Each structure stands twice: as structure tokens, then as C-alpha cells.
Amino acid sequence: MSPILPDSIQHDQLKSRVSLFFKQAKIGAFLHQSTIRKEKGLSALILIQFIFSLVI
């Protein structure tokens, strides 16, 4: 049985839903207020978004 939507479309929809949630909940502002920072590489916000998208 083939999926209704291709994997790339599902992945894009999931990514946009996670991004929308993070914007509405102002997660980036909370990370900034809690002084969660990194010296190099990706931002902490991107890493946490990635972790959330793995759970879903």
C-alpha cells in the first residue's frame, strides 16, 4: 500500500507545523531569556526544533 502523500510533502508539513508552534509559543524568546547559548554551529532554537520534529 502506498502512502497518500509522498514523504517529502509530509516532512515539509511537519517542519512548518513545528516552526509555527515555536513562533506562536515564542520559544526563541524563552531560550534567549534563559541564556541558553552556543559558541559554534547551529542555534539552540534550530536544535530544539529538530528534537521536537523527531518526536512527532
N, C-alpha and C. Protein backbone atom coordinates (compact mmCIF):
# COMPACT_ATOMS: atom_id res chain seq x y z
N MET A 1 0.85 -1.17 0.00
CA MET A 1 0.00 0.00 0.00
C MET A 1 0.90 1.24 0.00
N SER A 2 0.65 2.15 -0.89
CA SER A 2 1.47 3.36 -0.96
C SER A 2 0.86 4.45 -0.09
N PRO A 3 1.72 5.32 0.46
CA PRO A 3 1.20 6.41 1.30
C PRO A 3 0.40 7.41 0.47
N ILE A 4 -0.51 8.09 1.14
CA ILE A 4 -1.35 9.08 0.46
C ILE A 4 -0.50 10.25 -0.02
N LEU A 5 0.38 10.72 0.82
CA LEU A 5 1.27 11.83 0.47
C LEU A 5 2.70 11.33 0.43
N PRO A 6 3.47 11.83 -0.51
CA PRO A 6 4.89 11.46 -0.51
C PRO A 6 5.57 11.94 0.77
N ASP A 7 6.67 11.27 1.13
CA ASP A 7 7.37 11.59 2.35
C ASP A 7 7.86 13.03 2.39
N SER A 8 8.29 13.57 1.26
CA SER A 8 8.82 14.93 1.25
C SER A 8 7.74 15.95 1.60
N ILE A 9 6.52 15.73 1.15
CA ILE A 9 5.43 16.65 1.46
C ILE A 9 5.08 16.54 2.94
N GLN A 10 5.03 15.34 3.47
CA GLN A 10 4.74 15.16 4.89
C GLN A 10 5.82 15.80 5.73
N HIS A 11 7.07 15.66 5.34
CA HIS A 11 8.18 16.25 6.08
C HIS A 11 8.09 17.77 6.05
N ASP A 12 7.75 18.34 4.91
CA ASP A 12 7.62 19.80 4.81
C ASP A 12 6.47 20.32 5.67
N GLN A 13 5.35 19.59 5.68
CA GLN A 13 4.22 19.99 6.50
C GLN A 13 4.56 19.90 7.98
N LEU A 14 5.25 18.86 8.37
CA LEU A 14 5.66 18.69 9.77
C LEU A 14 6.60 19.81 10.17
N LYS A 15 7.55 20.12 9.31
CA LYS A 15 8.52 21.18 9.59
C LYS A 15 7.81 22.53 9.75
N SER A 16 6.83 22.80 8.89
CA SER A 16 6.13 24.07 9.00
C SER A 16 5.25 24.12 10.25
N ARG A 17 4.68 22.99 10.65
CA ARG A 17 3.87 22.97 11.87
C ARG A 17 4.72 23.21 13.12
N VAL A 18 5.88 22.59 13.15
CA VAL A 18 6.79 22.77 14.29
C VAL A 18 7.26 24.21 14.33
N SER A 19 7.63 24.77 13.19
CA SER A 19 8.08 26.16 13.13
C SER A 19 6.97 27.11 13.57
N LEU A 20 5.75 26.86 13.12
CA LEU A 20 4.62 27.70 13.50
C LEU A 20 4.38 27.63 15.01
N PHE A 21 4.45 26.44 15.58
CA PHE A 21 4.28 26.30 17.02
C PHE A 21 5.34 27.08 17.78
N PHE A 22 6.59 26.98 17.34
CA PHE A 22 7.68 27.68 18.02
C PHE A 22 7.51 29.18 17.92
N LYS A 23 7.01 29.68 16.80
CA LYS A 23 6.78 31.12 16.65
C LYS A 23 5.64 31.58 17.55
N GLN A 24 4.53 30.83 17.55
CA GLN A 24 3.38 31.22 18.36
C GLN A 24 3.66 31.12 19.84
N ALA A 25 4.42 30.13 20.26
CA ALA A 25 4.71 29.94 21.67
C ALA A 25 5.91 30.79 22.12
N LYS A 26 6.56 31.45 21.18
CA LYS A 26 7.72 32.32 21.45
C LYS A 26 8.82 31.57 22.19
N ILE A 27 9.11 30.37 21.70
CA ILE A 27 10.14 29.53 22.30
C ILE A 27 11.51 30.20 22.19
N GLY A 28 11.76 30.87 21.07
CA GLY A 28 13.03 31.56 20.89
C GLY A 28 13.26 32.62 21.95
N ALA A 29 12.21 33.35 22.32
CA ALA A 29 12.33 34.37 23.37
C ALA A 29 12.63 33.72 24.72
N PHE A 30 12.00 32.57 24.99
CA PHE A 30 12.26 31.87 26.24
C PHE A 30 13.70 31.37 26.31
N LEU A 31 14.20 30.86 25.18
CA LEU A 31 15.60 30.41 25.15
C LEU A 31 16.55 31.58 25.39
N HIS A 32 16.23 32.72 24.80
CA HIS A 32 17.09 33.90 24.98
C HIS A 32 17.06 34.37 26.44
N GLN A 33 15.88 34.39 27.05
CA GLN A 33 15.74 34.82 28.44
C GLN A 33 16.44 33.87 29.39
N SER A 34 16.47 32.60 29.04
CA SER A 34 17.10 31.62 29.93
C SER A 34 18.60 31.48 29.66
N THR A 35 19.12 32.32 28.81
CA THR A 35 20.54 32.38 28.45
C THR A 35 21.10 31.05 27.95
N ILE A 36 20.28 30.34 27.18
CA ILE A 36 20.77 29.12 26.53
C ILE A 36 21.47 29.57 25.25
N ARG A 37 22.78 29.36 25.21
CA ARG A 37 23.56 29.83 24.07
C ARG A 37 24.56 28.74 23.66
N LYS A 38 25.03 28.90 22.43
CA LYS A 38 26.06 28.01 21.92
C LYS A 38 27.20 28.86 21.37
N GLU A 39 28.38 28.30 21.34
CA GLU A 39 29.52 29.03 20.80
C GLU A 39 29.62 28.87 19.29
N LYS A 40 29.37 27.68 18.77
CA LYS A 40 29.53 27.41 17.34
C LYS A 40 28.38 26.55 16.84
N GLY A 41 28.22 26.53 15.54
CA GLY A 41 27.26 25.63 14.92
C GLY A 41 25.87 26.21 14.84
N LEU A 42 24.91 25.33 14.80
CA LEU A 42 23.51 25.73 14.69
C LEU A 42 23.03 26.40 15.97
N SER A 43 22.00 27.20 15.83
CA SER A 43 21.46 27.87 17.01
C SER A 43 20.71 26.87 17.89
N ALA A 44 20.55 27.23 19.13
CA ALA A 44 19.84 26.35 20.08
C ALA A 44 18.38 26.17 19.64
N LEU A 45 17.79 27.21 19.07
CA LEU A 45 16.41 27.12 18.62
C LEU A 45 16.25 26.08 17.52
N ILE A 46 17.16 26.05 16.58
CA ILE A 46 17.09 25.07 15.49
C ILE A 46 17.27 23.66 16.03
N LEU A 47 18.18 23.49 16.97
CA LEU A 47 18.39 22.17 17.55
C LEU A 47 17.16 21.67 18.31
N ILE A 48 16.52 22.54 19.05
CA ILE A 48 15.34 22.13 19.81
C ILE A 48 14.17 21.85 18.86
N GLN A 49 14.04 22.64 17.78
CA GLN A 49 13.03 22.35 16.77
C GLN A 49 13.26 20.98 16.15
N PHE A 50 14.51 20.66 15.89
CA PHE A 50 14.85 19.36 15.31
C PHE A 50 14.45 18.23 16.28
N ILE A 51 14.75 18.39 17.53
CA ILE A 51 14.40 17.39 18.53
C ILE A 51 12.89 17.19 18.60
N PHE A 52 12.13 18.29 18.57
CA PHE A 52 10.67 18.19 18.59
C PHE A 52 10.16 17.48 17.34
N SER A 53 10.76 17.76 16.20
CA SER A 53 10.28 17.10 14.97
C SER A 53 10.61 15.61 14.95
N LEU A 54 11.63 15.18 15.69
CA LEU A 54 11.94 13.75 15.78
C LEU A 54 10.88 13.01 16.59
N VAL A 55 10.34 13.67 17.59
CA VAL A 55 9.34 13.03 18.46
C VAL A 55 8.04 12.81 17.71
N ILE A 56 7.68 13.75 16.88
CA ILE A 56 6.42 13.65 16.13
C ILE A 56 6.62 12.69 15.03
